[in-house]
Amino acid sequence: METLRIGIISRWKAICGISLHAEMIAKEFIDMGHEVTVFAPKSVKQWHHIIYGEDEPFVVRCYYERDAGNRFDITLPSLDYVVVESYPLLPHRDIERAVKHVDFKVCVVHDQRREEFGFNPRTFNCIVVFDERFFEVVNSDNVVVIPYPCHPIVRGNRRFAEDKLRFFTFGRQPMDEYLDYLRALDELSKIYDLEYLVVRSDKLLPFDRNYLVQTVKRLSLKEIYKYLHNSDAHLIPKKNTDGYVVSSTLYQCLGSLTPTVVPNTRHFENLPEINGYKPAVVYNGLKDLKEKLIKLIEDENFRKSVVKSAEIFVEMNRSDKVAKKFVELCKRPIVIVN
C-alpha cells in the first residue's frame, strides 16, 4: 500500500465532536502506515470545547478561531492529501489558500446549517457529510456520505444489575439537560435499588438525591469505557436543535455495548432500525422515558435486542472502516478542482 502524507486541519484534543472525529481517523491513518500531520488551533473559543492533554509530535498549533485573530498562519508542507474538518469558526479564506497546492482535498462538514458553511465547495475534490440530511448544508455536486466513525467494540463482563442498577453519564452538558433523567429516576428509585453516577468535567450539578453520586473529573477514553462496563445503562443528555447534528458521544460509547438511552432530538433522528431495534433507546418525553427505562430493566429480550443492534451498527461504522473510505476517495476523484 502506498504511504500517503496526510494533513488534517481540525480542532485537536478538544471536548467536541470535531476533535473526536479527527482524532479517530488520524489514529487509523497512522495504524495504516500513513504519515499524518495535524494542524490545530492555538485557542478554542467556545466554553465547552476546552483543550486538554499534551499534543503529540505530529500536531502543529497554527491558527486562531474567530475573535482570536481568525488566521491560519502556516504554509503547508508537501502533502498528498488534506482533510479539513469544517466548522463555523475557521479562517476559511486562509485555509482555502493554504490547501490550494495539495493534490487531493477533502472537507468534512460539521456545520449545522447552510449559512454556517464558509467554504467554496469547489475548493475541494469532495465534501464529506455524515448522512443525507447534511445535503441541505452544502449544495454541491461533489458531496459523498461517510458516516461518523464508531469506536470499535470493547466488551465488558458485568452481568446486568449484578449488585444494583447503575446508570452513568459523563461530560459537561448544560444542567437542565439532566432533568428528564433525574425526574425519571426519582420514580424508579421508589421501585429499584439504583445509583446514578454523573462524572462532570467542570463542576457538580446543583441537585441532591440519595441515589445521585457525582464527581468532577476529565475522563480518558479508557476511563470512560471502564465506567461504562461497570454500568447497566448509559444516559446521554441532549437538548434539541434546529440544525443537522450527530452525537459524537454516542458514536464514541456504543462500542462498550452498554445499553444507551437518548432523547428524541436531531442528534439521534437518523439512527436506523436494525432487525426492528435502534442502537439506542430513544424516548419522547418523561412518561415515555420512565416506561422505556422500566422495559430496559425488566425485559431481557428488549435489552439484548438493543445491544445487538448497537453491535451491528458499530461493526458497520467502525473507525478503521471509515478511515479506509477516506483513503479510497483518493482512488476515484469526484471533481477536478479549478
Protein backbone atom coordinates (compact mmCIF):
# COMPACT_ATOMS: atom_id res chain seq x y z
CA MET A 1 0.00 0.00 0.00
CA GLU A 2 1.27 3.44 -0.93
CA THR A 3 2.17 5.62 2.03
CA LEU A 4 0.30 8.92 1.93
CA ARG A 5 1.35 12.19 3.52
CA ILE A 6 -1.95 13.28 5.07
CA GLY A 7 -2.67 16.64 6.65
CA ILE A 8 -5.68 17.21 8.91
CA ILE A 9 -6.89 20.73 9.71
CA SER A 10 -9.06 20.46 12.80
CA ARG A 11 -9.57 21.04 16.46
CA TRP A 12 -7.48 18.56 18.40
CA LYS A 13 -7.79 17.30 21.98
CA ALA A 14 -10.84 19.50 22.46
CA ILE A 15 -14.06 18.33 24.07
CA CYS A 16 -16.18 18.29 20.92
CA GLY A 17 -17.26 16.07 18.05
CA ILE A 18 -14.99 17.88 15.57
CA SER A 19 -11.91 16.96 17.55
CA LEU A 20 -13.07 13.41 18.23
CA HIS A 21 -13.66 12.76 14.53
CA ALA A 22 -10.17 13.99 13.63
CA GLU A 23 -8.55 12.01 16.43
CA MET A 24 -10.27 8.76 15.46
CA ILE A 25 -9.46 8.91 11.75
CA ALA A 26 -5.91 10.16 12.41
CA LYS A 27 -5.21 7.17 14.63
CA GLU A 28 -6.46 4.83 11.91
CA PHE A 29 -4.42 6.59 9.21
CA ILE A 30 -1.29 6.13 11.34
CA ASP A 31 -2.14 2.49 12.02
CA MET A 32 -2.47 2.02 8.24
CA GLY A 33 1.10 3.28 7.82
CA HIS A 34 0.41 6.77 6.53
CA GLU A 35 2.26 9.91 7.66
CA VAL A 36 -0.07 12.31 9.45
CA THR A 37 0.36 15.97 10.40
CA VAL A 38 -2.43 17.72 12.29
CA PHE A 39 -2.85 21.49 12.02
CA ALA A 40 -4.85 22.61 15.04
CA PRO A 41 -6.00 25.89 16.63
CA LYS A 42 -3.93 27.73 19.22
CA SER A 43 -7.16 28.55 21.03
CA VAL A 44 -10.67 27.15 21.21
CA LYS A 45 -13.27 29.81 21.82
CA GLN A 46 -16.46 28.02 22.86
CA TRP A 47 -16.71 27.46 26.60
CA HIS A 48 -17.37 23.70 26.44
CA HIS A 49 -14.64 22.99 23.87
CA ILE A 50 -11.61 23.45 26.08
CA ILE A 51 -8.30 21.85 25.07
CA TYR A 52 -6.96 19.04 27.26
CA GLY A 53 -3.77 16.98 27.45
CA GLU A 54 -0.38 17.21 25.75
CA ASP A 55 -0.07 17.26 21.97
CA GLU A 56 1.66 14.51 20.02
CA PRO A 57 4.80 15.39 17.99
CA PHE A 58 2.79 15.39 14.75
CA VAL A 59 0.46 18.20 15.94
CA VAL A 60 1.16 21.81 14.88
CA ARG A 61 -0.82 24.59 16.59
CA CYS A 62 -1.03 27.22 13.88
CA TYR A 63 -4.35 29.05 13.64
CA TYR A 64 -6.77 31.12 15.68
CA GLU A 65 -10.50 30.82 15.73
CA ARG A 66 -12.95 33.68 15.31
CA ASP A 67 -12.48 36.60 17.72
CA ALA A 68 -8.90 35.48 18.44
CA GLY A 69 -7.18 36.62 15.25
CA ASN A 70 -9.01 34.23 12.90
CA ARG A 71 -5.87 33.44 10.88
CA PHE A 72 -4.25 30.29 9.52
CA ASP A 73 -0.59 31.18 9.98
CA ILE A 74 1.37 28.44 8.25
CA THR A 75 2.44 27.28 4.80
CA LEU A 76 1.52 23.63 4.48
CA PRO A 77 4.35 21.19 3.78
CA SER A 78 4.25 18.86 0.79
CA LEU A 79 1.14 16.70 1.26
CA ASP A 80 -0.66 14.12 -0.85
CA TYR A 81 -3.98 14.54 0.90
CA VAL A 82 -5.57 17.04 3.26
CA VAL A 83 -8.72 16.62 5.36
CA VAL A 84 -10.35 19.83 6.57
CA GLU A 85 -12.86 19.43 9.41
CA SER A 86 -15.26 22.28 8.62
CA TYR A 87 -16.96 24.30 11.35
CA PRO A 88 -18.10 27.95 11.51
CA LEU A 89 -15.14 29.41 13.47
CA LEU A 90 -12.47 28.51 10.91
CA PRO A 91 -10.46 31.14 8.99
CA HIS A 92 -11.97 29.90 5.73
CA ARG A 93 -10.20 32.10 3.15
CA ASP A 94 -6.76 31.47 4.66
CA ILE A 95 -7.34 27.72 4.63
CA GLU A 96 -8.55 27.76 1.03
CA ARG A 97 -5.30 29.46 0.02
CA ALA A 98 -3.19 27.10 2.14
CA VAL A 99 -4.63 23.88 0.66
CA LYS A 100 -4.63 25.05 -2.95
CA HIS A 101 -1.44 23.20 -3.94
CA VAL A 102 -2.42 19.87 -2.29
CA ASP A 103 -3.33 17.21 -4.87
CA PHE A 104 -6.40 15.82 -3.09
CA LYS A 105 -8.54 17.86 -0.74
CA VAL A 106 -11.50 16.67 1.36
CA CYS A 107 -13.81 18.75 3.54
CA VAL A 108 -15.75 17.07 6.39
CA VAL A 109 -18.89 19.03 7.28
CA HIS A 110 -19.65 19.66 10.96
CA ASP A 111 -21.60 22.84 10.16
CA GLN A 112 -25.25 22.53 11.17
CA ARG A 113 -26.81 24.99 8.71
CA ARG A 114 -26.18 26.22 5.19
CA GLU A 115 -25.33 29.74 6.33
CA GLU A 116 -22.56 28.35 8.58
CA PHE A 117 -20.64 26.59 5.79
CA GLY A 118 -17.97 29.15 4.89
CA PHE A 119 -16.00 27.38 2.17
CA ASN A 120 -16.32 27.46 -1.60
CA PRO A 121 -17.22 23.80 -2.27
CA ARG A 122 -15.13 23.87 -5.46
CA THR A 123 -12.01 24.24 -3.30
CA PHE A 124 -12.26 20.51 -2.56
CA ASN A 125 -12.24 17.32 -4.60
CA CYS A 126 -15.10 16.15 -2.45
CA ILE A 127 -17.23 17.18 0.50
CA VAL A 128 -17.92 14.51 3.13
CA VAL A 129 -21.16 14.53 5.12
CA PHE A 130 -22.27 12.10 7.81
CA ASP A 131 -25.70 11.37 6.35
CA GLU A 132 -28.11 12.62 3.70
CA ARG A 133 -29.58 15.32 5.93
CA PHE A 134 -26.39 17.34 5.52
CA PHE A 135 -27.07 17.74 1.78
CA GLU A 136 -29.11 20.74 2.96
CA VAL A 137 -25.96 22.30 4.42
CA VAL A 138 -23.81 22.00 1.28
CA ASN A 139 -25.44 22.42 -2.11
CA SER A 140 -22.81 20.90 -4.38
CA ASP A 141 -22.29 18.07 -6.85
CA ASN A 142 -19.18 16.73 -5.10
CA VAL A 143 -20.79 15.53 -1.84
CA VAL A 144 -20.32 11.96 -0.56
CA VAL A 145 -21.65 10.27 2.59
CA ILE A 146 -19.15 8.74 5.01
CA PRO A 147 -20.71 8.10 8.43
CA TYR A 148 -19.30 9.40 11.68
CA PRO A 149 -16.89 6.73 13.00
CA CYS A 150 -17.69 4.45 15.91
CA HIS A 151 -15.14 3.41 18.47
CA PRO A 152 -14.57 -0.35 17.96
CA ILE A 153 -16.28 -2.81 20.29
CA VAL A 154 -14.67 -3.39 23.68
CA ARG A 155 -16.66 -5.90 25.70
CA GLY A 156 -17.19 -5.76 29.45
CA ASN A 157 -18.07 -8.65 31.75
CA ARG A 158 -20.72 -7.14 34.01
CA ARG A 159 -23.96 -9.08 34.49
CA PHE A 160 -26.95 -6.77 34.29
CA ALA A 161 -27.71 -5.24 37.71
CA GLU A 162 -25.41 -7.75 39.38
CA ASP A 163 -25.28 -5.66 42.57
CA LYS A 164 -27.70 -2.79 41.97
CA LEU A 165 -28.94 -0.84 38.96
CA ARG A 166 -26.19 1.51 37.86
CA PHE A 167 -26.80 4.43 35.50
CA PHE A 168 -23.97 6.57 34.16
CA THR A 169 -23.49 9.95 32.48
CA PHE A 170 -20.29 11.88 31.79
CA GLY A 171 -19.38 15.20 30.22
CA ARG A 172 -20.30 18.82 30.53
CA GLN A 173 -23.85 19.23 29.28
CA PRO A 174 -25.93 22.21 30.48
CA MET A 175 -27.56 21.39 33.80
CA ASP A 176 -31.18 21.47 32.62
CA GLU A 177 -30.46 18.64 30.16
CA TYR A 178 -30.17 16.19 33.09
CA LEU A 179 -33.66 16.90 34.42
CA ASP A 180 -35.51 14.21 32.47
CA TYR A 181 -33.20 11.53 33.82
CA LEU A 182 -33.37 12.81 37.39
CA ARG A 183 -37.17 13.02 37.34
CA ALA A 184 -37.49 9.54 35.86
CA LEU A 185 -35.03 8.07 38.36
CA ASP A 186 -36.87 9.80 41.21
CA GLU A 187 -39.79 7.50 40.37
CA LEU A 188 -37.71 4.41 39.62
CA SER A 189 -35.76 4.76 42.89
CA LYS A 190 -39.02 4.02 44.72
CA ILE A 191 -39.08 0.61 42.98
CA TYR A 192 -35.44 -0.35 42.45
CA ASP A 193 -32.16 -0.14 44.32
CA LEU A 194 -30.28 2.14 41.94
CA GLU A 195 -27.37 4.53 41.60
CA TYR A 196 -26.85 7.33 39.10
CA LEU A 197 -23.18 8.22 38.68
CA VAL A 198 -22.52 11.57 36.99
CA VAL A 199 -18.92 12.43 36.15
CA ARG A 200 -18.63 16.11 35.28
CA SER A 201 -15.61 17.69 33.65
CA ASP A 202 -16.06 21.06 35.36
CA LYS A 203 -18.40 21.35 38.35
CA LEU A 204 -21.08 19.34 40.12
CA LEU A 205 -24.74 19.56 39.25
CA PRO A 206 -26.82 21.58 41.77
CA PHE A 207 -29.03 18.59 42.54
CA ASP A 208 -29.21 16.40 45.63
CA ARG A 209 -30.63 12.89 45.53
CA ASN A 210 -29.90 9.83 47.67
CA TYR A 211 -29.18 7.80 44.56
CA LEU A 212 -27.10 10.51 42.83
CA VAL A 213 -23.31 10.17 43.04
CA GLN A 214 -21.26 12.95 41.48
CA THR A 215 -17.61 13.58 40.88
CA VAL A 216 -15.53 16.06 38.89
CA LYS A 217 -13.00 14.50 36.56
CA ARG A 218 -11.97 14.75 32.93
CA LEU A 219 -12.01 11.17 31.72
CA SER A 220 -9.72 9.46 29.27
CA LEU A 221 -11.29 7.11 26.75
CA LYS A 222 -10.00 4.13 28.73
CA GLU A 223 -11.65 5.51 31.88
CA ILE A 224 -14.93 6.17 30.04
CA TYR A 225 -15.10 2.54 28.96
CA LYS A 226 -14.28 1.36 32.46
CA TYR A 227 -17.23 3.32 33.82
CA LEU A 228 -19.50 2.12 31.00
CA HIS A 229 -18.58 -1.51 31.68
CA ASN A 230 -19.49 -1.02 35.34
CA SER A 231 -22.90 0.41 34.42
CA ASP A 232 -26.21 -1.03 33.29
CA ALA A 233 -27.29 1.92 31.18
CA HIS A 234 -25.61 5.00 29.70
CA LEU A 235 -27.85 8.08 29.80
CA ILE A 236 -26.92 10.82 27.29
CA PRO A 237 -28.42 14.28 27.98
CA LYS A 238 -29.10 16.40 24.88
CA LYS A 239 -31.24 19.42 24.13
CA ASN A 240 -32.80 19.72 20.68
CA THR A 241 -31.51 22.00 17.93
CA ASP A 242 -32.84 23.14 14.58
CA GLY A 243 -29.56 22.24 12.85
CA TYR A 244 -28.27 18.98 11.39
CA VAL A 245 -26.20 17.16 14.01
CA VAL A 246 -24.95 13.80 15.21
CA SER A 247 -23.91 12.86 18.74
CA SER A 248 -20.18 12.15 18.93
CA THR A 249 -20.71 10.85 22.48
CA LEU A 250 -22.99 8.12 21.17
CA TYR A 251 -20.52 7.04 18.48
CA GLN A 252 -17.67 7.12 20.98
CA CYS A 253 -19.50 4.95 23.52
CA LEU A 254 -21.72 2.47 21.67
CA GLY A 255 -18.76 0.11 21.35
CA SER A 256 -18.96 -0.59 25.08
CA LEU A 257 -22.24 -2.46 24.37
CA THR A 258 -23.74 -0.87 27.48
CA PRO A 259 -27.40 -0.03 26.65
CA THR A 260 -27.71 3.65 25.82
CA VAL A 261 -30.72 5.90 26.40
CA VAL A 262 -31.16 9.18 24.49
CA PRO A 263 -33.85 11.83 23.97
CA ASN A 264 -35.56 12.12 20.59
CA THR A 265 -33.54 15.10 19.35
CA ARG A 266 -31.96 15.76 15.97
CA HIS A 267 -28.71 14.23 17.22
CA PHE A 268 -30.31 10.78 17.04
CA GLU A 269 -33.04 11.13 14.41
CA ASN A 270 -31.02 9.31 11.74
CA LEU A 271 -30.30 6.19 13.79
CA PRO A 272 -31.52 3.20 11.76
CA GLU A 273 -33.65 0.33 12.93
CA ILE A 274 -31.70 -2.92 12.71
CA ASN A 275 -33.87 -6.03 12.95
CA GLY A 276 -36.60 -3.87 14.45
CA TYR A 277 -34.49 -2.11 17.10
CA LYS A 278 -32.42 1.06 17.13
CA PRO A 279 -28.84 1.01 18.51
CA ALA A 280 -30.02 3.22 21.39
CA VAL A 281 -33.29 3.52 23.31
CA VAL A 282 -34.87 6.76 22.08
CA TYR A 283 -37.53 8.38 24.28
CA ASN A 284 -40.17 11.07 23.75
CA GLY A 285 -40.90 12.95 26.95
CA LEU A 286 -40.77 12.00 30.61
CA LYS A 287 -43.60 9.44 30.62
CA ASP A 288 -42.04 7.55 27.70
CA LEU A 289 -38.62 7.70 29.35
CA LYS A 290 -39.92 6.08 32.55
CA GLU A 291 -41.72 3.37 30.60
CA LYS A 292 -38.68 2.59 28.45
CA LEU A 293 -36.30 2.52 31.41
CA ILE A 294 -38.58 0.01 33.12
CA LYS A 295 -38.75 -2.04 29.91
CA LEU A 296 -34.95 -1.94 29.64
CA ILE A 297 -34.73 -3.21 33.23
CA GLU A 298 -37.48 -5.82 33.15
CA ASP A 299 -37.46 -7.11 29.56
CA GLU A 300 -34.26 -9.05 28.90
CA ASN A 301 -35.17 -9.72 25.26
CA PHE A 302 -35.69 -6.00 24.62
CA ARG A 303 -32.39 -5.17 26.32
CA LYS A 304 -30.46 -7.79 24.37
CA SER A 305 -32.06 -6.68 21.09
CA VAL A 306 -30.99 -3.07 21.64
CA VAL A 307 -27.44 -4.20 22.44
CA LYS A 308 -27.37 -6.45 19.35
CA SER A 309 -28.49 -3.54 17.18
CA ALA A 310 -25.71 -1.41 18.69
CA GLU A 311 -23.17 -4.15 17.99
CA ILE A 312 -24.18 -4.41 14.32
CA PHE A 313 -24.22 -0.61 13.95
CA VAL A 314 -20.73 -0.27 15.44
CA GLU A 315 -19.33 -3.01 13.18
CA MET A 316 -20.81 -1.24 10.15
CA ASN A 317 -19.27 2.12 11.11
CA ARG A 318 -16.04 1.17 12.89
CA SER A 319 -13.37 3.85 12.81
CA ASP A 320 -10.94 1.72 10.77
CA LYS A 321 -13.60 1.12 8.10
CA VAL A 322 -14.45 4.82 8.00
CA ALA A 323 -10.77 5.81 7.66
CA LYS A 324 -10.36 3.39 4.75
CA LYS A 325 -13.29 5.08 3.00
CA PHE A 326 -11.40 8.37 3.22
CA VAL A 327 -8.30 6.82 1.68
CA GLU A 328 -10.38 5.21 -1.06
CA LEU A 329 -11.61 8.67 -2.10
CA CYS A 330 -8.12 9.32 -3.48
CA LYS A 331 -8.58 6.49 -5.95
CA ARG A 332 -11.69 7.99 -7.50
CA PRO A 333 -11.51 11.79 -7.66
CA ILE A 334 -15.02 13.11 -7.96
CA VAL A 335 -14.40 16.70 -9.04
CA ILE A 336 -11.46 18.27 -10.83
CA VAL A 337 -10.70 21.28 -8.67
CA ASN A 338 -10.08 24.54 -10.51
